[in-house]
C-alpha atoms as a PDB file:
ATOM      1  CA  UNK A   1     -24.462  10.754  29.692  1.00  0.00           C
ATOM      2  CA  UNK A   2     -21.514   9.723  27.523  1.00  0.00           C
ATOM      3  CA  UNK A   3     -21.619   7.583  24.364  1.00  0.00           C
ATOM      4  CA  UNK A   4     -20.899   4.343  26.235  1.00  0.00           C
ATOM      5  CA  UNK A   5     -23.722   4.984  28.680  1.00  0.00           C
ATOM      6  CA  UNK A   6     -26.031   5.776  25.760  1.00  0.00           C
ATOM      7  CA  UNK A   7     -25.243   2.349  24.359  1.00  0.00           C
ATOM      8  CA  UNK A   8     -23.699   3.214  20.994  1.00  0.00           C
ATOM      9  CA  UNK A   9     -20.262   2.006  22.106  1.00  0.00           C
ATOM     10  CA  UNK A  10     -18.388   4.482  19.882  1.00  0.00           C
ATOM     11  CA  UNK A  11     -15.648   6.512  21.440  1.00  0.00           C
ATOM     12  CA  UNK A  12     -12.487   8.159  20.221  1.00  0.00           C
ATOM     13  CA  UNK A  13      -9.381   6.027  20.708  1.00  0.00           C
ATOM     14  CA  UNK A  14      -7.056   7.147  23.464  1.00  0.00           C
ATOM     15  CA  UNK A  15      -3.952   9.086  22.356  1.00  0.00           C
ATOM     16  CA  UNK A  16      -1.668   6.047  22.861  1.00  0.00           C
ATOM     17  CA  UNK A  17      -4.031   3.808  20.839  1.00  0.00           C
ATOM     18  CA  UNK A  18      -4.281   6.397  18.065  1.00  0.00           C
ATOM     19  CA  UNK A  19      -0.487   6.839  18.081  1.00  0.00           C
ATOM     20  CA  UNK A  20      -0.002   3.063  17.835  1.00  0.00           C
ATOM     21  CA  UNK A  21      -2.359   2.830  14.839  1.00  0.00           C
ATOM     22  CA  UNK A  22      -0.650   5.727  13.085  1.00  0.00           C
ATOM     23  CA  UNK A  23       2.724   4.091  13.770  1.00  0.00           C
ATOM     24  CA  UNK A  24       1.583   0.710  12.409  1.00  0.00           C
ATOM     25  CA  UNK A  25       0.206   2.265   9.237  1.00  0.00           C
ATOM     26  CA  UNK A  26       3.279   4.422   8.713  1.00  0.00           C
ATOM     27  CA  UNK A  27       5.449   1.334   9.224  1.00  0.00           C
ATOM     28  CA  UNK A  28       3.485  -0.507   6.502  1.00  0.00           C
ATOM     29  CA  UNK A  29       3.954   2.392   4.088  1.00  0.00           C
ATOM     30  CA  UNK A  30       7.681   2.659   4.828  1.00  0.00           C
ATOM     31  CA  UNK A  31       8.102  -1.117   4.480  1.00  0.00           C
ATOM     32  CA  UNK A  32       6.331  -1.108   1.111  1.00  0.00           C
ATOM     33  CA  UNK A  33       8.513   1.734  -0.093  1.00  0.00           C
ATOM     34  CA  UNK A  34      11.612  -0.101   1.130  1.00  0.00           C
ATOM     35  CA  UNK A  35      10.667  -3.148  -0.953  1.00  0.00           C
ATOM     36  CA  UNK A  36      10.008  -0.987  -4.037  1.00  0.00           C
ATOM     37  CA  UNK A  37      13.382   0.734  -3.542  1.00  0.00           C
ATOM     38  CA  UNK A  38      15.228  -2.587  -3.534  1.00  0.00           C
ATOM     39  CA  UNK A  39      15.742  -2.707   0.228  1.00  0.00           C
ATOM     40  CA  UNK A  40      16.692   0.926   0.850  1.00  0.00           C
ATOM     41  CA  UNK A  41      14.592   2.318   3.692  1.00  0.00           C
ATOM     42  CA  UNK A  42      13.792   6.015   3.264  1.00  0.00           C
ATOM     43  CA  UNK A  43      15.303   8.216   5.951  1.00  0.00           C
ATOM     44  CA  UNK A  44      13.018  10.392   8.046  1.00  0.00           C
ATOM     45  CA  UNK A  45      14.730  13.444   6.525  1.00  0.00           C
ATOM     46  CA  UNK A  46      13.916  12.201   2.996  1.00  0.00           C
ATOM     47  CA  UNK A  47      10.284  11.659   3.943  1.00  0.00           C
ATOM     48  CA  UNK A  48      10.026  15.091   5.569  1.00  0.00           C
ATOM     49  CA  UNK A  49      11.605  16.728   2.523  1.00  0.00           C
ATOM     50  CA  UNK A  50       9.129  14.916   0.245  1.00  0.00           C
ATOM     51  CA  UNK A  51       6.120  15.951   2.331  1.00  0.00           C
ATOM     52  CA  UNK A  52       7.276  19.571   2.487  1.00  0.00           C
ATOM     53  CA  UNK A  53       8.018  19.648  -1.245  1.00  0.00           C
ATOM     54  CA  UNK A  54       4.525  18.337  -2.042  1.00  0.00           C
ATOM     55  CA  UNK A  55       2.948  20.816   0.379  1.00  0.00           C
ATOM     56  CA  UNK A  56       5.016  23.686  -0.987  1.00  0.00           C
ATOM     57  CA  UNK A  57       5.880  24.716   2.554  1.00  0.00           C
ATOM     58  CA  UNK A  58       7.204  23.290   5.788  1.00  0.00           C
ATOM     59  CA  UNK A  59       4.495  21.113   7.351  1.00  0.00           C
ATOM     60  CA  UNK A  60       6.516  18.336   9.005  1.00  0.00           C
ATOM     61  CA  UNK A  61      10.004  17.665  10.342  1.00  0.00           C
ATOM     62  CA  UNK A  62      12.038  14.495  10.389  1.00  0.00           C
ATOM     63  CA  UNK A  63      11.593  14.441  14.178  1.00  0.00           C
ATOM     64  CA  UNK A  64       7.808  14.495  13.805  1.00  0.00           C
ATOM     65  CA  UNK A  65       7.950  11.604  11.350  1.00  0.00           C
ATOM     66  CA  UNK A  66      10.246   9.685  13.712  1.00  0.00           C
ATOM     67  CA  UNK A  67       7.857  10.358  16.619  1.00  0.00           C
ATOM     68  CA  UNK A  68       4.878   9.175  14.557  1.00  0.00           C
ATOM     69  CA  UNK A  69       6.790   6.088  13.406  1.00  0.00           C
ATOM     70  CA  UNK A  70       7.876   5.202  16.942  1.00  0.00           C
ATOM     71  CA  UNK A  71       4.487   6.257  18.449  1.00  0.00           C
ATOM     72  CA  UNK A  72       6.185   8.276  21.146  1.00  0.00           C
ATOM     73  CA  UNK A  73       7.762  11.709  21.433  1.00  0.00           C
ATOM     74  CA  UNK A  74      11.156  12.383  22.960  1.00  0.00           C
ATOM     75  CA  UNK A  75       9.277  13.386  26.136  1.00  0.00           C
ATOM     76  CA  UNK A  76       7.670   9.944  26.282  1.00  0.00           C
ATOM     77  CA  UNK A  77       4.214  11.149  25.258  1.00  0.00           C
ATOM     78  CA  UNK A  78       1.996   9.935  22.454  1.00  0.00           C
ATOM     79  CA  UNK A  79       2.382  12.204  19.423  1.00  0.00           C
ATOM     80  CA  UNK A  80      -0.707  14.217  18.530  1.00  0.00           C
ATOM     81  CA  UNK A  81      -0.365  15.283  14.885  1.00  0.00           C
ATOM     82  CA  UNK A  82      -2.825  17.593  13.202  1.00  0.00           C
ATOM     83  CA  UNK A  83      -5.178  16.275  10.557  1.00  0.00           C
ATOM     84  CA  UNK A  84      -3.367  18.496   8.047  1.00  0.00           C
ATOM     85  CA  UNK A  85      -0.020  16.895   8.904  1.00  0.00           C
ATOM     86  CA  UNK A  86      -1.460  13.414   8.379  1.00  0.00           C
ATOM     87  CA  UNK A  87      -3.093  14.518   5.133  1.00  0.00           C
ATOM     88  CA  UNK A  88       0.262  15.674   3.744  1.00  0.00           C
ATOM     89  CA  UNK A  89       2.054  12.582   5.056  1.00  0.00           C
ATOM     90  CA  UNK A  90      -0.469  10.345   3.307  1.00  0.00           C
ATOM     91  CA  UNK A  91      -0.093  12.299   0.070  1.00  0.00           C
ATOM     92  CA  UNK A  92       3.669  11.782   0.212  1.00  0.00           C
ATOM     93  CA  UNK A  93       2.987   8.042  -0.041  1.00  0.00           C
ATOM     94  CA  UNK A  94       0.401   8.507  -2.802  1.00  0.00           C
ATOM     95  CA  UNK A  95      -2.637   8.163  -0.528  1.00  0.00           C
ATOM     96  CA  UNK A  96      -5.250  10.787  -1.308  1.00  0.00           C
ATOM     97  CA  UNK A  97      -7.316  10.058   1.793  1.00  0.00           C
ATOM     98  CA  UNK A  98      -4.367  11.144   3.969  1.00  0.00           C
ATOM     99  CA  UNK A  99      -5.517  11.570   7.541  1.00  0.00           C
ATOM    100  CA  UNK A 100      -8.489   9.280   7.013  1.00  0.00           C
ATOM    101  CA  UNK A 101      -6.090   6.437   6.185  1.00  0.00           C
ATOM    102  CA  UNK A 102      -4.207   6.965   9.433  1.00  0.00           C
ATOM    103  CA  UNK A 103      -7.273   7.490  11.631  1.00  0.00           C
ATOM    104  CA  UNK A 104     -10.112   5.358  10.210  1.00  0.00           C
ATOM    105  CA  UNK A 105      -9.771   1.584  10.495  1.00  0.00           C
ATOM    106  CA  UNK A 106     -12.211   0.780   7.677  1.00  0.00           C
ATOM    107  CA  UNK A 107     -10.586   3.247   5.279  1.00  0.00           C
ATOM    108  CA  UNK A 108      -7.138   1.903   6.165  1.00  0.00           C
ATOM    109  CA  UNK A 109      -8.213  -1.646   5.286  1.00  0.00           C
ATOM    110  CA  UNK A 110      -9.565  -0.463   1.924  1.00  0.00           C
ATOM    111  CA  UNK A 111      -6.417   1.515   1.105  1.00  0.00           C
ATOM    112  CA  UNK A 112      -4.145  -1.341   2.202  1.00  0.00           C
ATOM    113  CA  UNK A 113      -6.053  -3.723  -0.089  1.00  0.00           C
ATOM    114  CA  UNK A 114      -5.676  -1.279  -2.979  1.00  0.00           C
ATOM    115  CA  UNK A 115      -1.956  -0.884  -2.284  1.00  0.00           C
ATOM    116  CA  UNK A 116      -1.550  -4.667  -2.185  1.00  0.00           C
ATOM    117  CA  UNK A 117      -3.389  -5.028  -5.504  1.00  0.00           C
ATOM    118  CA  UNK A 118      -1.160  -2.386  -7.092  1.00  0.00           C
ATOM    119  CA  UNK A 119       1.921  -4.101  -5.710  1.00  0.00           C
ATOM    120  CA  UNK A 120       0.793  -7.437  -7.159  1.00  0.00           C
ATOM    121  CA  UNK A 121       0.193  -5.865 -10.556  1.00  0.00           C
ATOM    122  CA  UNK A 122       3.619  -4.254 -10.464  1.00  0.00           C
ATOM    123  CA  UNK A 123       5.173  -7.611  -9.546  1.00  0.00           C
ATOM    124  CA  UNK A 124       3.371  -9.360 -12.370  1.00  0.00           C
ATOM    125  CA  UNK A 125       4.466  -6.741 -14.864  1.00  0.00           C
ATOM    126  CA  UNK A 126       8.092  -6.828 -13.684  1.00  0.00           C
ATOM    127  CA  UNK A 127       8.196 -10.624 -13.802  1.00  0.00           C
ATOM    128  CA  UNK A 128       6.513 -10.880 -17.169  1.00  0.00           C
ATOM    129  CA  UNK A 129       7.792  -7.627 -18.616  1.00  0.00           C
ATOM    130  CA  UNK A 130       4.761  -7.466 -20.855  1.00  0.00           C
ATOM    131  CA  UNK A 131       2.108  -4.759 -20.622  1.00  0.00           C
ATOM    132  CA  UNK A 132      -0.248  -7.068 -22.540  1.00  0.00           C
ATOM    133  CA  UNK A 133      -0.472  -9.344 -19.515  1.00  0.00           C
ATOM    134  CA  UNK A 134      -1.581  -6.417 -17.367  1.00  0.00           C
ATOM    135  CA  UNK A 135      -4.198  -5.475 -19.963  1.00  0.00           C
ATOM    136  CA  UNK A 136      -5.452  -9.035 -20.028  1.00  0.00           C
ATOM    137  CA  UNK A 137      -5.676  -9.113 -16.230  1.00  0.00           C
ATOM    138  CA  UNK A 138      -7.577  -5.829 -16.208  1.00  0.00           C
ATOM    139  CA  UNK A 139     -10.066  -7.097 -18.780  1.00  0.00           C
ATOM    140  CA  UNK A 140     -10.447 -10.410 -16.953  1.00  0.00           C
ATOM    141  CA  UNK A 141     -11.154  -8.716 -13.614  1.00  0.00           C
ATOM    142  CA  UNK A 142     -14.846  -8.328 -14.461  1.00  0.00           C
ATOM    143  CA  UNK A 143     -15.411 -11.907 -15.581  1.00  0.00           C
ATOM    144  CA  UNK A 144     -17.457 -14.500 -13.705  1.00  0.00           C
ATOM    145  CA  UNK A 145     -15.724 -17.358 -11.892  1.00  0.00           C
ATOM    146  CA  UNK A 146     -16.684 -19.786 -14.682  1.00  0.00           C
ATOM    147  CA  UNK A 147     -15.222 -17.503 -17.337  1.00  0.00           C
ATOM    148  CA  UNK A 148     -12.045 -17.068 -15.293  1.00  0.00           C
ATOM    149  CA  UNK A 149     -11.678 -20.853 -14.997  1.00  0.00           C
ATOM    150  CA  UNK A 150     -12.057 -21.164 -18.774  1.00  0.00           C
ATOM    151  CA  UNK A 151      -9.490 -18.402 -19.312  1.00  0.00           C
ATOM    152  CA  UNK A 152      -7.008 -20.172 -17.019  1.00  0.00           C
ATOM    153  CA  UNK A 153      -7.629 -23.484 -18.806  1.00  0.00           C
ATOM    154  CA  UNK A 154      -7.083 -21.785 -22.163  1.00  0.00           C
ATOM    155  CA  UNK A 155      -3.840 -20.201 -20.942  1.00  0.00           C
ATOM    156  CA  UNK A 156      -2.647 -23.583 -19.639  1.00  0.00           C
ATOM    157  CA  UNK A 157      -3.474 -25.252 -22.954  1.00  0.00           C
ATOM    158  CA  UNK A 158      -1.722 -22.526 -24.959  1.00  0.00           C
ATOM    159  CA  UNK A 159       1.363 -22.845 -22.738  1.00  0.00           C
ATOM    160  CA  UNK A 160       1.402 -26.605 -23.264  1.00  0.00           C
ATOM    161  CA  UNK A 161       1.065 -26.199 -27.040  1.00  0.00           C
ATOM    162  CA  UNK A 162       3.894 -23.638 -27.138  1.00  0.00           C
ATOM    163  CA  UNK A 163       6.112 -25.880 -25.009  1.00  0.00           C
ATOM    164  CA  UNK A 164       5.346 -28.820 -27.280  1.00  0.00           C
ATOM    165  CA  UNK A 165       6.112 -26.756 -30.383  1.00  0.00           C
ATOM    166  CA  UNK A 166       9.367 -25.532 -28.833  1.00  0.00           C
ATOM    167  CA  UNK A 167      10.324 -29.104 -27.964  1.00  0.00           C
ATOM    168  CA  UNK A 168       9.686 -30.274 -31.528  1.00  0.00           C
ATOM    169  CA  UNK A 169      11.678 -27.385 -32.935  1.00  0.00           C
ATOM    170  CA  UNK A 170      14.526 -28.177 -30.534  1.00  0.00           C
ATOM    171  CA  UNK A 171      14.410 -31.881 -31.480  1.00  0.00           C
ATOM    172  CA  UNK A 172      14.793 -31.069 -35.213  1.00  0.00           C
ATOM    173  CA  UNK A 173      18.003 -29.175 -34.519  1.00  0.00           C
ATOM    174  CA  UNK A 174      19.738 -32.275 -33.152  1.00  0.00           C
END
């Protein structure tokens, strides 16, 4: 009796489904890196070189990365990478869970949320250019909703006071 007959409903995804998921997740990672690099998409050769440099040996080729990204080999089959290959590929993008990210839906959601949070923090810091804002956000992350609302109201009030003071200072110069 297989798992479906037993009623647990869990079964390994078919190779094409697994290849599609790996491709989608690799696409997200490449897209995020492209944004961080100002629109320059990393070449498969660059990614392979990075993976191999991190591994300290040859573990992946540019063709393997292309096959994983396109979810099909040159022979028209679904790629079937080893867990080790996916581990190293994940590490090249800063993901410690490596293969788990590419193969486990729940883990992928968690990692994607963490990557999005990091991206937002980086955007805030680049826009503001002030590490103090990041520190404030980190300290505020544990506050209750009521405290966060008060913090936002305080920030709004301080902004209004500073704008008013700047307007008065500008008016004196005329």
